[in-house]
Amino acid sequence: MKKAILFIILSIMLFLAACGADEESENANENDKEETVTITHEYGEEEVPKNPENVVVFDFGILDTLDELGVEVAGVPQGSVPDYLENILVLNT
């Protein structure tokens, strides 16, 4: 009798654990589709996509870092560009 009760309790626990796994996987899929990063700045907060398609750079130091990481930059200021970054600007235009 004790074995039957133990078997029923373990079966119920297994069933409940399996049901919970489906909900967690659905929530994980929703998070992957809409994953954002919250940026805090002096005017408040802004949510931006985690992996944006277009990247614009205003700082030449960041441009150099992104080039080393292999990130393609869509826009760069065209002021006085340092000599070591001129080849990056030619490749990205």
C-alpha atoms as a PDB file:
ATOM      1  CA  MET A   1       0.000   0.000   0.000  1.00  0.00           C
ATOM      2  CA  LYS A   2       2.797   2.451   0.869  1.00  0.00           C
ATOM      3  CA  LYS A   3       4.472   1.721  -2.474  1.00  0.00           C
ATOM      4  CA  ALA A   4       1.261   2.531  -4.365  1.00  0.00           C
ATOM      5  CA  ILE A   5       0.852   5.859  -2.560  1.00  0.00           C
ATOM      6  CA  LEU A   6       4.508   6.715  -3.130  1.00  0.00           C
ATOM      7  CA  PHE A   7       4.138   5.849  -6.815  1.00  0.00           C
ATOM      8  CA  ILE A   8       1.057   8.079  -7.159  1.00  0.00           C
ATOM      9  CA  ILE A   9       2.771  11.006  -5.412  1.00  0.00           C
ATOM     10  CA  LEU A  10       5.874  10.679  -7.596  1.00  0.00           C
ATOM     11  CA  SER A  11       3.699  10.452 -10.728  1.00  0.00           C
ATOM     12  CA  ILE A  12       1.854  13.652  -9.791  1.00  0.00           C
ATOM     13  CA  MET A  13       5.143  15.447  -9.084  1.00  0.00           C
ATOM     14  CA  LEU A  14       6.543  14.334 -12.438  1.00  0.00           C
ATOM     15  CA  PHE A  15       3.400  15.496 -14.226  1.00  0.00           C
ATOM     16  CA  LEU A  16       3.516  18.928 -12.551  1.00  0.00           C
ATOM     17  CA  ALA A  17       7.211  19.332 -13.350  1.00  0.00           C
ATOM     18  CA  ALA A  18       6.581  18.530 -17.013  1.00  0.00           C
ATOM     19  CA  CYS A  19       3.769  21.096 -17.226  1.00  0.00           C
ATOM     20  CA  GLY A  20       5.981  23.806 -15.732  1.00  0.00           C
ATOM     21  CA  ALA A  21       8.765  23.161 -18.258  1.00  0.00           C
ATOM     22  CA  ASP A  22       6.457  23.967 -21.203  1.00  0.00           C
ATOM     23  CA  GLU A  23       5.556  27.367 -19.753  1.00  0.00           C
ATOM     24  CA  GLU A  24       9.199  28.226 -19.112  1.00  0.00           C
ATOM     25  CA  SER A  25      10.230  27.339 -22.678  1.00  0.00           C
ATOM     26  CA  GLU A  26       7.400  29.478 -24.090  1.00  0.00           C
ATOM     27  CA  ASN A  27       8.509  32.425 -21.926  1.00  0.00           C
ATOM     28  CA  ALA A  28      12.111  31.934 -23.046  1.00  0.00           C
ATOM     29  CA  ASN A  29      11.058  32.068 -26.712  1.00  0.00           C
ATOM     30  CA  GLU A  30       9.151  35.309 -26.116  1.00  0.00           C
ATOM     31  CA  ASN A  31      12.174  36.855 -24.395  1.00  0.00           C
ATOM     32  CA  ASP A  32      14.472  35.923 -27.303  1.00  0.00           C
ATOM     33  CA  LYS A  33      12.220  37.663 -29.823  1.00  0.00           C
ATOM     34  CA  GLU A  34      11.806  40.913 -27.901  1.00  0.00           C
ATOM     35  CA  GLU A  35      15.062  41.206 -25.973  1.00  0.00           C
ATOM     36  CA  THR A  36      15.944  44.817 -25.248  1.00  0.00           C
ATOM     37  CA  VAL A  37      18.484  46.740 -23.213  1.00  0.00           C
ATOM     38  CA  THR A  38      17.488  49.724 -21.088  1.00  0.00           C
ATOM     39  CA  ILE A  39      19.815  52.704 -21.471  1.00  0.00           C
ATOM     40  CA  THR A  40      19.706  55.359 -18.743  1.00  0.00           C
ATOM     41  CA  HIS A  41      20.741  58.887 -19.740  1.00  0.00           C
ATOM     42  CA  GLU A  42      20.266  62.430 -18.497  1.00  0.00           C
ATOM     43  CA  TYR A  43      16.813  62.730 -20.141  1.00  0.00           C
ATOM     44  CA  GLY A  44      15.450  59.466 -18.719  1.00  0.00           C
ATOM     45  CA  GLU A  45      15.526  55.900 -19.975  1.00  0.00           C
ATOM     46  CA  GLU A  46      15.223  54.332 -23.406  1.00  0.00           C
ATOM     47  CA  GLU A  47      14.793  50.714 -24.443  1.00  0.00           C
ATOM     48  CA  VAL A  48      16.747  49.667 -27.515  1.00  0.00           C
ATOM     49  CA  PRO A  49      17.039  46.301 -29.273  1.00  0.00           C
ATOM     50  CA  LYS A  50      19.891  44.162 -27.967  1.00  0.00           C
ATOM     51  CA  ASN A  51      21.435  43.514 -31.404  1.00  0.00           C
ATOM     52  CA  PRO A  52      20.631  46.523 -33.610  1.00  0.00           C
ATOM     53  CA  GLU A  53      20.901  46.284 -37.395  1.00  0.00           C
ATOM     54  CA  ASN A  54      22.422  49.770 -37.856  1.00  0.00           C
ATOM     55  CA  VAL A  55      25.154  51.253 -35.681  1.00  0.00           C
ATOM     56  CA  VAL A  56      26.130  54.941 -35.765  1.00  0.00           C
ATOM     57  CA  VAL A  57      29.298  56.079 -33.985  1.00  0.00           C
ATOM     58  CA  PHE A  58      30.143  59.590 -32.753  1.00  0.00           C
ATOM     59  CA  ASP A  59      33.451  58.742 -31.089  1.00  0.00           C
ATOM     60  CA  PHE A  60      36.516  57.611 -33.036  1.00  0.00           C
ATOM     61  CA  GLY A  61      37.742  55.516 -30.110  1.00  0.00           C
ATOM     62  CA  ILE A  62      34.512  53.537 -30.185  1.00  0.00           C
ATOM     63  CA  LEU A  63      34.831  53.223 -33.972  1.00  0.00           C
ATOM     64  CA  ASP A  64      38.265  51.666 -33.541  1.00  0.00           C
ATOM     65  CA  THR A  65      36.929  49.228 -30.915  1.00  0.00           C
ATOM     66  CA  LEU A  66      33.933  48.220 -33.021  1.00  0.00           C
ATOM     67  CA  ASP A  67      36.218  47.661 -36.021  1.00  0.00           C
ATOM     68  CA  GLU A  68      38.379  45.308 -33.950  1.00  0.00           C
ATOM     69  CA  LEU A  69      35.220  43.449 -32.857  1.00  0.00           C
ATOM     70  CA  GLY A  70      34.036  43.131 -36.466  1.00  0.00           C
ATOM     71  CA  VAL A  71      30.921  45.309 -36.053  1.00  0.00           C
ATOM     72  CA  GLU A  72      29.932  47.113 -39.248  1.00  0.00           C
ATOM     73  CA  VAL A  73      29.244  50.810 -38.649  1.00  0.00           C
ATOM     74  CA  ALA A  74      26.571  52.605 -40.707  1.00  0.00           C
ATOM     75  CA  GLY A  75      27.501  56.203 -39.874  1.00  0.00           C
ATOM     76  CA  VAL A  76      30.528  58.186 -38.677  1.00  0.00           C
ATOM     77  CA  PRO A  77      31.123  61.949 -38.298  1.00  0.00           C
ATOM     78  CA  GLN A  78      33.095  63.323 -41.235  1.00  0.00           C
ATOM     79  CA  GLY A  79      35.162  65.890 -39.317  1.00  0.00           C
ATOM     80  CA  SER A  80      38.880  65.577 -38.705  1.00  0.00           C
ATOM     81  CA  VAL A  81      39.389  61.812 -38.935  1.00  0.00           C
ATOM     82  CA  PRO A  82      42.598  60.390 -37.451  1.00  0.00           C
ATOM     83  CA  ASP A  83      44.970  58.866 -40.021  1.00  0.00           C
ATOM     84  CA  TYR A  84      44.761  55.380 -38.548  1.00  0.00           C
ATOM     85  CA  LEU A  85      40.961  55.324 -39.036  1.00  0.00           C
ATOM     86  CA  GLU A  86      40.797  56.572 -42.631  1.00  0.00           C
ATOM     87  CA  ASN A  87      41.004  53.020 -44.024  1.00  0.00           C
ATOM     88  CA  ILE A  88      37.999  51.987 -41.873  1.00  0.00           C
ATOM     89  CA  LEU A  89      35.912  54.867 -43.226  1.00  0.00           C
ATOM     90  CA  VAL A  90      36.797  53.971 -46.817  1.00  0.00           C
ATOM     91  CA  LEU A  91      35.774  50.339 -46.244  1.00  0.00           C
ATOM     92  CA  ASN A  92      32.440  51.240 -44.608  1.00  0.00           C
ATOM     93  CA  THR A  93      31.269  53.760 -47.227  1.00  0.00           C
END
